[in-house]
Amino acid sequence: MIFPLDGAVRHALTIDPTVWIFDDRKRNVDELDRETENDNDTYYAKMGKAWDDGLTQGTRVDHNKPMSRADKDAALRDSFAMPFAPFLKNAEPLASATHVSFYGETTLTIPLVDAPLVYLQFSKDGKVLADGPVYVLYDNQCIRAVDHIIVRNEI
């Protein structure tokens, strides 16, 4: 269930979506449409809280924090997606890169500047995708069975 992110990047990645259920960056697919332009406000509020917590409690980060009962229940019943942007950032696209292609049942090629709008769905109704490893969610489109992502210099 792993898939590569490669092409015109400094670091090719091998992505394993089976561990994303434990990642705090995951989003409920049903709530993706309800996101507002207040994302920047939310981001700055979270960063401010993290800064304050760092000053008052120290900077120790507990990477093994247990999941609450509500989180466990949600993981067993909801559909989740991860933002694509952090993975693209870690891969470090080359300056010449202009597009990203997602290969699955069909191929979707989008401009690199639009890539942060992409989400990678990894579960449906609390279960791993049967025709996965991921679905690409972009601009009211759903590309199923995506198993390779390539950053391109040209279309």
N, C-alpha and C. Protein backbone atom coordinates (compact mmCIF):
# COMPACT_ATOMS: atom_id res chain seq x y z
N MET A 1 0.81 -1.20 0.00
CA MET A 1 0.00 0.00 0.00
C MET A 1 0.86 1.27 0.00
N ILE A 2 2.14 1.15 -0.23
CA ILE A 2 2.98 2.33 -0.32
C ILE A 2 3.04 2.78 -1.77
N PHE A 3 3.38 4.06 -1.96
CA PHE A 3 3.49 4.58 -3.32
C PHE A 3 4.56 5.67 -3.35
N PRO A 4 5.17 5.89 -4.53
CA PRO A 4 6.25 6.87 -4.63
C PRO A 4 5.76 8.27 -5.01
N LEU A 5 6.51 9.24 -4.54
CA LEU A 5 6.40 10.64 -4.97
C LEU A 5 7.79 10.97 -5.49
N ASP A 6 7.92 11.13 -6.80
CA ASP A 6 9.23 11.37 -7.39
C ASP A 6 9.12 12.29 -8.60
N GLY A 7 10.17 12.34 -9.38
CA GLY A 7 10.21 13.22 -10.55
C GLY A 7 11.16 14.37 -10.30
N ALA A 8 10.70 15.58 -10.59
CA ALA A 8 11.53 16.78 -10.48
C ALA A 8 11.54 17.28 -9.04
N VAL A 9 12.07 16.42 -8.15
CA VAL A 9 12.17 16.76 -6.72
C VAL A 9 13.59 16.48 -6.24
N ARG A 10 13.97 17.16 -5.20
CA ARG A 10 15.29 16.93 -4.63
C ARG A 10 15.33 15.60 -3.87
N HIS A 11 14.22 15.25 -3.20
CA HIS A 11 14.15 14.02 -2.42
C HIS A 11 12.94 13.20 -2.85
N ALA A 12 13.15 12.06 -3.47
CA ALA A 12 12.04 11.17 -3.80
C ALA A 12 11.53 10.55 -2.50
N LEU A 13 10.22 10.44 -2.37
CA LEU A 13 9.62 9.90 -1.15
C LEU A 13 8.88 8.61 -1.45
N THR A 14 8.84 7.74 -0.47
CA THR A 14 7.97 6.57 -0.49
C THR A 14 6.95 6.81 0.61
N ILE A 15 5.69 6.90 0.24
CA ILE A 15 4.64 7.30 1.18
C ILE A 15 3.83 6.08 1.61
N ASP A 16 3.60 5.96 2.92
CA ASP A 16 2.85 4.85 3.49
C ASP A 16 1.59 5.39 4.18
N PRO A 17 0.45 5.38 3.49
CA PRO A 17 -0.77 5.94 4.08
C PRO A 17 -1.37 5.11 5.22
N THR A 18 -0.87 3.91 5.46
CA THR A 18 -1.46 3.08 6.52
C THR A 18 -1.20 3.64 7.91
N VAL A 19 -0.24 4.53 8.06
CA VAL A 19 0.06 5.09 9.38
C VAL A 19 -0.60 6.45 9.61
N TRP A 20 -1.28 6.97 8.61
CA TRP A 20 -1.86 8.31 8.72
C TRP A 20 -3.00 8.40 9.72
N ILE A 21 -3.62 7.30 10.07
CA ILE A 21 -4.73 7.34 11.01
C ILE A 21 -4.28 7.92 12.36
N PHE A 22 -2.99 7.81 12.66
CA PHE A 22 -2.44 8.32 13.91
C PHE A 22 -1.91 9.74 13.79
N ASP A 23 -1.96 10.31 12.60
CA ASP A 23 -1.38 11.63 12.32
C ASP A 23 -2.39 12.73 12.64
N ASP A 24 -1.95 13.74 13.37
CA ASP A 24 -2.84 14.85 13.75
C ASP A 24 -3.23 15.73 12.58
N ARG A 25 -2.53 15.64 11.46
CA ARG A 25 -2.85 16.48 10.30
C ARG A 25 -4.03 15.96 9.50
N LYS A 26 -4.50 14.76 9.78
CA LYS A 26 -5.60 14.18 9.00
C LYS A 26 -6.86 15.02 9.18
N ARG A 27 -7.68 15.02 8.14
CA ARG A 27 -8.94 15.76 8.16
C ARG A 27 -10.09 14.83 7.82
N ASN A 28 -11.22 15.07 8.42
CA ASN A 28 -12.42 14.32 8.09
C ASN A 28 -12.87 14.76 6.69
N VAL A 29 -13.09 13.82 5.80
CA VAL A 29 -13.45 14.13 4.42
C VAL A 29 -14.75 14.93 4.36
N ASP A 30 -15.69 14.63 5.24
CA ASP A 30 -16.97 15.34 5.24
C ASP A 30 -16.81 16.81 5.59
N GLU A 31 -15.74 17.16 6.29
CA GLU A 31 -15.53 18.55 6.70
C GLU A 31 -14.65 19.34 5.74
N LEU A 32 -14.08 18.69 4.73
CA LEU A 32 -13.21 19.40 3.79
C LEU A 32 -13.97 20.49 3.04
N ASP A 33 -15.22 20.23 2.69
CA ASP A 33 -16.02 21.21 1.95
C ASP A 33 -16.40 22.40 2.82
N ARG A 34 -16.38 22.21 4.11
CA ARG A 34 -16.81 23.27 5.02
C ARG A 34 -15.68 24.19 5.46
N GLU A 35 -14.46 23.92 4.97
CA GLU A 35 -13.35 24.78 5.35
C GLU A 35 -13.60 26.19 4.83
N THR A 36 -13.24 27.15 5.64
CA THR A 36 -13.46 28.54 5.27
C THR A 36 -12.13 29.24 5.06
N GLU A 37 -12.23 30.51 4.74
CA GLU A 37 -11.01 31.29 4.55
C GLU A 37 -10.39 31.67 5.88
N ASN A 38 -10.94 31.20 6.98
CA ASN A 38 -10.38 31.47 8.29
C ASN A 38 -9.23 30.53 8.61
N ASP A 39 -8.77 29.75 7.62
CA ASP A 39 -7.69 28.81 7.87
C ASP A 39 -6.44 29.53 8.38
N ASN A 40 -6.14 30.72 7.85
CA ASN A 40 -4.99 31.47 8.34
C ASN A 40 -5.19 31.87 9.78
N ASP A 41 -6.39 32.32 10.13
CA ASP A 41 -6.67 32.69 11.51
C ASP A 41 -6.51 31.48 12.43
N THR A 42 -7.01 30.34 11.99
CA THR A 42 -6.89 29.11 12.78
C THR A 42 -5.43 28.73 12.94
N TYR A 43 -4.67 28.84 11.85
CA TYR A 43 -3.25 28.51 11.89
C TYR A 43 -2.52 29.40 12.90
N TYR A 44 -2.75 30.71 12.84
CA TYR A 44 -2.07 31.62 13.74
C TYR A 44 -2.52 31.42 15.19
N ALA A 45 -3.78 31.07 15.39
CA ALA A 45 -4.25 30.79 16.75
C ALA A 45 -3.55 29.56 17.31
N LYS A 46 -3.42 28.51 16.50
CA LYS A 46 -2.73 27.30 16.95
C LYS A 46 -1.25 27.59 17.23
N MET A 47 -0.62 28.36 16.34
CA MET A 47 0.79 28.68 16.54
C MET A 47 0.98 29.53 17.80
N GLY A 48 0.07 30.47 18.04
CA GLY A 48 0.14 31.28 19.25
C GLY A 48 0.01 30.43 20.50
N LYS A 49 -0.93 29.50 20.48
CA LYS A 49 -1.10 28.60 21.62
C LYS A 49 0.14 27.74 21.82
N ALA A 50 0.71 27.23 20.73
CA ALA A 50 1.92 26.41 20.84
C ALA A 50 3.08 27.24 21.42
N TRP A 51 3.17 28.49 21.00
CA TRP A 51 4.22 29.37 21.52
C TRP A 51 4.03 29.59 23.01
N ASP A 52 2.81 29.91 23.42
CA ASP A 52 2.52 30.12 24.83
C ASP A 52 2.79 28.86 25.65
N ASP A 53 2.36 27.72 25.13
CA ASP A 53 2.60 26.46 25.82
C ASP A 53 4.09 26.18 25.93
N GLY A 54 4.84 26.50 24.89
CA GLY A 54 6.28 26.30 24.91
C GLY A 54 6.95 27.14 25.98
N LEU A 55 6.47 28.36 26.16
CA LEU A 55 7.04 29.24 27.17
C LEU A 55 6.68 28.79 28.58
N THR A 56 5.45 28.35 28.77
CA THR A 56 5.00 28.01 30.12
C THR A 56 5.31 26.57 30.51
N GLN A 57 5.32 25.65 29.55
CA GLN A 57 5.48 24.24 29.88
C GLN A 57 6.77 23.63 29.34
N GLY A 58 7.52 24.36 28.57
CA GLY A 58 8.70 23.79 27.94
C GLY A 58 8.34 23.29 26.55
N THR A 59 9.34 22.82 25.84
CA THR A 59 9.11 22.45 24.44
C THR A 59 9.06 20.94 24.21
N ARG A 60 8.94 20.16 25.25
CA ARG A 60 8.87 18.71 25.08
C ARG A 60 7.60 18.34 24.32
N VAL A 61 7.76 17.59 23.27
CA VAL A 61 6.62 17.15 22.48
C VAL A 61 6.42 15.66 22.72
N ASP A 62 5.23 15.28 23.13
CA ASP A 62 4.93 13.87 23.36
C ASP A 62 4.42 13.27 22.06
N HIS A 63 5.28 12.54 21.36
CA HIS A 63 4.92 11.96 20.08
C HIS A 63 4.03 10.73 20.23
N ASN A 64 3.96 10.19 21.41
CA ASN A 64 3.18 8.97 21.63
C ASN A 64 1.94 9.24 22.46
N LYS A 65 1.33 10.38 22.25
CA LYS A 65 0.14 10.67 23.05
C LYS A 65 -0.96 9.69 22.69
N PRO A 66 -1.67 9.20 23.68
CA PRO A 66 -2.72 8.22 23.41
C PRO A 66 -3.92 8.86 22.71
N MET A 67 -4.60 8.05 21.92
CA MET A 67 -5.82 8.52 21.26
C MET A 67 -6.96 8.49 22.29
N SER A 68 -7.77 9.52 22.28
CA SER A 68 -8.93 9.54 23.17
C SER A 68 -9.97 8.56 22.65
N ARG A 69 -10.94 8.24 23.49
CA ARG A 69 -12.00 7.31 23.08
C ARG A 69 -12.76 7.86 21.87
N ALA A 70 -13.01 9.17 21.87
CA ALA A 70 -13.72 9.79 20.75
C ALA A 70 -12.91 9.67 19.46
N ASP A 71 -11.58 9.85 19.57
CA ASP A 71 -10.72 9.71 18.39
C ASP A 71 -10.73 8.28 17.87
N LYS A 72 -10.71 7.32 18.78
CA LYS A 72 -10.75 5.91 18.37
C LYS A 72 -12.06 5.58 17.67
N ASP A 73 -13.16 6.07 18.24
CA ASP A 73 -14.47 5.81 17.63
C ASP A 73 -14.55 6.44 16.25
N ALA A 74 -14.04 7.68 16.12
CA ALA A 74 -14.07 8.37 14.83
C ALA A 74 -13.21 7.62 13.81
N ALA A 75 -12.07 7.10 14.24
CA ALA A 75 -11.19 6.37 13.33
C ALA A 75 -11.86 5.11 12.79
N LEU A 76 -12.79 4.56 13.56
CA LEU A 76 -13.47 3.32 13.15
C LEU A 76 -14.74 3.57 12.34
N ARG A 77 -15.15 4.84 12.20
CA ARG A 77 -16.41 5.08 11.48
C ARG A 77 -16.31 6.15 10.40
N ASP A 78 -15.34 7.06 10.46
CA ASP A 78 -15.28 8.19 9.53
C ASP A 78 -14.32 7.95 8.37
N SER A 79 -14.37 8.86 7.41
CA SER A 79 -13.47 8.85 6.25
C SER A 79 -12.48 9.99 6.41
N PHE A 80 -11.20 9.71 6.17
CA PHE A 80 -10.16 10.70 6.42
C PHE A 80 -9.28 10.93 5.20
N ALA A 81 -8.69 12.13 5.16
CA ALA A 81 -7.75 12.51 4.10
C ALA A 81 -6.62 13.31 4.72
N MET A 82 -5.47 13.26 4.07
CA MET A 82 -4.31 14.03 4.50
C MET A 82 -4.04 15.12 3.47
N PRO A 83 -3.63 16.30 3.94
CA PRO A 83 -3.22 17.32 2.97
C PRO A 83 -1.94 16.86 2.26
N PHE A 84 -1.87 17.14 0.97
CA PHE A 84 -0.72 16.75 0.16
C PHE A 84 0.46 17.69 0.36
N ALA A 85 0.19 18.93 0.75
CA ALA A 85 1.22 19.97 0.83
C ALA A 85 2.45 19.59 1.66
N PRO A 86 2.31 19.01 2.86
CA PRO A 86 3.52 18.69 3.63
C PRO A 86 4.45 17.69 2.94
N PHE A 87 3.87 16.75 2.21
CA PHE A 87 4.69 15.76 1.51
C PHE A 87 5.43 16.41 0.34
N LEU A 88 4.74 17.28 -0.36
CA LEU A 88 5.36 18.00 -1.47
C LEU A 88 6.49 18.89 -0.96
N LYS A 89 6.25 19.55 0.16
CA LYS A 89 7.28 20.41 0.76
C LYS A 89 8.52 19.60 1.14
N ASN A 90 8.31 18.42 1.74
CA ASN A 90 9.45 17.58 2.13
C ASN A 90 10.21 17.04 0.93
N ALA A 91 9.52 16.82 -0.18
CA ALA A 91 10.18 16.33 -1.39
C ALA A 91 11.02 17.42 -2.05
N GLU A 92 10.73 18.68 -1.76
CA GLU A 92 11.44 19.83 -2.30
C GLU A 92 11.48 19.84 -3.83
N PRO A 93 10.37 20.26 -4.46
CA PRO A 93 10.35 20.34 -5.93
C PRO A 93 11.47 21.24 -6.44
N LEU A 94 12.04 20.86 -7.56
CA LEU A 94 13.09 21.67 -8.18
C LEU A 94 12.50 22.97 -8.70
N ALA A 95 13.34 23.96 -8.89
CA ALA A 95 12.87 25.27 -9.37
C ALA A 95 12.22 25.16 -10.74
N SER A 96 12.62 24.18 -11.52
CA SER A 96 12.07 24.02 -12.87
C SER A 96 10.73 23.28 -12.89
N ALA A 97 10.30 22.74 -11.75
CA ALA A 97 9.05 21.97 -11.70
C ALA A 97 7.84 22.88 -11.92
N THR A 98 6.89 22.41 -12.72
CA THR A 98 5.71 23.22 -13.04
C THR A 98 4.39 22.50 -12.79
N HIS A 99 4.39 21.17 -12.79
CA HIS A 99 3.14 20.41 -12.67
C HIS A 99 3.31 19.19 -11.78
N VAL A 100 2.19 18.67 -11.29
CA VAL A 100 2.17 17.42 -10.54
C VAL A 100 1.16 16.50 -11.22
N SER A 101 1.56 15.25 -11.45
CA SER A 101 0.67 14.26 -12.07
C SER A 101 0.37 13.16 -11.06
N PHE A 102 -0.91 12.82 -10.96
CA PHE A 102 -1.38 11.76 -10.07
C PHE A 102 -1.88 10.63 -10.95
N TYR A 103 -1.31 9.43 -10.79
CA TYR A 103 -1.65 8.28 -11.63
C TYR A 103 -2.48 7.29 -10.84
N GLY A 104 -3.67 7.00 -11.35
CA GLY A 104 -4.57 6.03 -10.74
C GLY A 104 -5.47 5.46 -11.81
N GLU A 105 -6.78 5.34 -11.50
CA GLU A 105 -7.73 4.89 -12.53
C GLU A 105 -7.67 5.79 -13.75
N THR A 106 -7.50 7.07 -13.48
CA THR A 106 -7.25 8.06 -14.53
C THR A 106 -6.05 8.88 -14.09
N THR A 107 -5.57 9.73 -14.96
CA THR A 107 -4.44 10.58 -14.62
C THR A 107 -4.93 12.01 -14.47
N LEU A 108 -4.47 12.66 -13.42
CA LEU A 108 -4.79 14.07 -13.19
C LEU A 108 -3.48 14.83 -13.14
N THR A 109 -3.34 15.85 -13.97
CA THR A 109 -2.16 16.71 -13.95
C THR A 109 -2.62 18.12 -13.63
N ILE A 110 -2.01 18.71 -12.60
CA ILE A 110 -2.38 20.05 -12.17
C ILE A 110 -1.13 20.91 -12.06
N PRO A 111 -1.29 22.24 -12.12
CA PRO A 111 -0.14 23.12 -11.92
C PRO A 111 0.42 22.95 -10.50
N LEU A 112 1.71 23.07 -10.36
CA LEU A 112 2.36 22.91 -9.07
C LEU A 112 1.81 23.88 -8.03
N VAL A 113 1.45 25.09 -8.47
CA VAL A 113 0.94 26.08 -7.52
C VAL A 113 -0.41 25.67 -6.93
N ASP A 114 -1.14 24.78 -7.60
CA ASP A 114 -2.43 24.31 -7.08
C ASP A 114 -2.29 23.06 -6.21
N ALA A 115 -1.12 22.47 -6.15
CA ALA A 115 -0.92 21.23 -5.40
C ALA A 115 -1.28 21.33 -3.92
N PRO A 116 -1.08 22.47 -3.25
CA PRO A 116 -1.49 22.54 -1.84
C PRO A 116 -2.99 22.40 -1.61
N LEU A 117 -3.79 22.46 -2.67
CA LEU A 117 -5.23 22.29 -2.55
C LEU A 117 -5.65 20.82 -2.59
N VAL A 118 -4.70 19.93 -2.82
CA VAL A 118 -4.99 18.50 -2.96
C VAL A 118 -5.01 17.82 -1.59
N TYR A 119 -5.95 16.90 -1.43
CA TYR A 119 -6.00 16.02 -0.27
C TYR A 119 -5.90 14.58 -0.75
N LEU A 120 -5.27 13.74 0.06
CA LEU A 120 -5.12 12.32 -0.25
C LEU A 120 -6.00 11.53 0.71
N GLN A 121 -7.12 11.01 0.22
CA GLN A 121 -8.02 10.24 1.07
C GLN A 121 -7.45 8.84 1.25
N PHE A 122 -7.37 8.40 2.52
CA PHE A 122 -6.78 7.10 2.81
C PHE A 122 -7.72 6.13 3.51
N SER A 123 -8.90 6.61 3.94
CA SER A 123 -9.86 5.69 4.56
C SER A 123 -11.28 6.10 4.19
N LYS A 124 -12.17 5.12 4.22
CA LYS A 124 -13.59 5.37 3.96
C LYS A 124 -14.39 4.56 4.96
N ASP A 125 -15.23 5.26 5.69
CA ASP A 125 -16.09 4.62 6.70
C ASP A 125 -15.27 3.77 7.68
N GLY A 126 -14.12 4.28 8.09
CA GLY A 126 -13.30 3.62 9.08
C GLY A 126 -12.47 2.46 8.57
N LYS A 127 -12.42 2.26 7.28
CA LYS A 127 -11.68 1.14 6.71
C LYS A 127 -10.69 1.64 5.65
N VAL A 128 -9.63 0.87 5.46
CA VAL A 128 -8.66 1.17 4.41
C VAL A 128 -9.38 1.08 3.06
N LEU A 129 -9.00 1.92 2.13
CA LEU A 129 -9.63 1.91 0.81
C LEU A 129 -9.39 0.58 0.10
N ALA A 130 -10.45 -0.01 -0.41
CA ALA A 130 -10.35 -1.30 -1.09
C ALA A 130 -9.57 -1.18 -2.40
N ASP A 131 -9.71 -0.05 -3.08
CA ASP A 131 -9.01 0.16 -4.35
C ASP A 131 -7.99 1.28 -4.21
N GLY A 132 -7.27 1.28 -3.10
CA GLY A 132 -6.31 2.32 -2.75
C GLY A 132 -5.01 2.18 -3.50
N PRO A 133 -3.94 2.73 -2.99
CA PRO A 133 -3.76 3.15 -1.61
C PRO A 133 -4.43 4.47 -1.23
N VAL A 134 -4.58 5.42 -2.18
CA VAL A 134 -5.25 6.68 -1.85
C VAL A 134 -6.13 7.13 -3.01
N TYR A 135 -7.05 8.03 -2.67
CA TYR A 135 -7.81 8.77 -3.67
C TYR A 135 -7.30 10.20 -3.61
N VAL A 136 -7.22 10.85 -4.75
CA VAL A 136 -6.86 12.27 -4.79
C VAL A 136 -8.15 13.08 -4.84
N LEU A 137 -8.30 14.00 -3.90
CA LEU A 137 -9.45 14.90 -3.85
C LEU A 137 -8.96 16.29 -4.24
N TYR A 138 -9.49 16.79 -5.36
CA TYR A 138 -9.06 18.10 -5.86
C TYR A 138 -10.19 18.73 -6.65
N ASP A 139 -10.61 19.90 -6.25
CA ASP A 139 -11.58 20.70 -7.01
C ASP A 139 -12.80 19.87 -7.41
N ASN A 140 -13.44 19.26 -6.43
CA ASN A 140 -14.64 18.43 -6.63
C ASN A 140 -14.40 17.23 -7.54
N GLN A 141 -13.16 16.81 -7.67
CA GLN A 141 -12.81 15.60 -8.42
C GLN A 141 -12.28 14.56 -7.45
N CYS A 142 -12.49 13.31 -7.78
CA CYS A 142 -11.95 12.21 -6.99
C CYS A 142 -11.29 11.22 -7.95
N ILE A 143 -9.97 11.13 -7.88
CA ILE A 143 -9.22 10.19 -8.70
C ILE A 143 -8.92 8.98 -7.81
N ARG A 144 -9.46 7.83 -8.18
CA ARG A 144 -9.32 6.62 -7.36
C ARG A 144 -8.04 5.84 -7.69
N ALA A 145 -7.66 5.01 -6.74
CA ALA A 145 -6.56 4.05 -6.90
C ALA A 145 -5.25 4.71 -7.31
N VAL A 146 -4.96 5.88 -6.76
CA VAL A 146 -3.71 6.57 -7.08
C VAL A 146 -2.55 5.82 -6.45
N ASP A 147 -1.58 5.43 -7.27
CA ASP A 147 -0.45 4.65 -6.77
C ASP A 147 0.91 5.23 -7.19
N HIS A 148 0.90 6.43 -7.77
CA HIS A 148 2.16 7.07 -8.16
C HIS A 148 1.92 8.56 -8.36
N ILE A 149 2.82 9.38 -7.82
CA ILE A 149 2.75 10.83 -7.99
C ILE A 149 4.09 11.29 -8.55
N ILE A 150 4.03 12.05 -9.64
CA ILE A 150 5.25 12.54 -10.27
C ILE A 150 5.18 14.06 -10.40
N VAL A 151 6.23 14.73 -9.92
CA VAL A 151 6.38 16.17 -10.11
C VAL A 151 7.11 16.34 -11.44
N ARG A 152 6.57 17.20 -12.31
CA ARG A 152 7.07 17.31 -13.68
C ARG A 152 7.61 18.71 -13.98
N ASN A 153 8.55 18.75 -14.94
CA ASN A 153 9.06 20.01 -15.46
C ASN A 153 8.16 20.57 -16.54
N GLU A 154 7.38 19.70 -17.15
CA GLU A 154 6.47 20.09 -18.23
C GLU A 154 5.32 19.11 -18.24
N ILE A 155 4.29 19.43 -18.99
CA ILE A 155 3.12 18.54 -19.06
C ILE A 155 3.41 17.35 -19.94
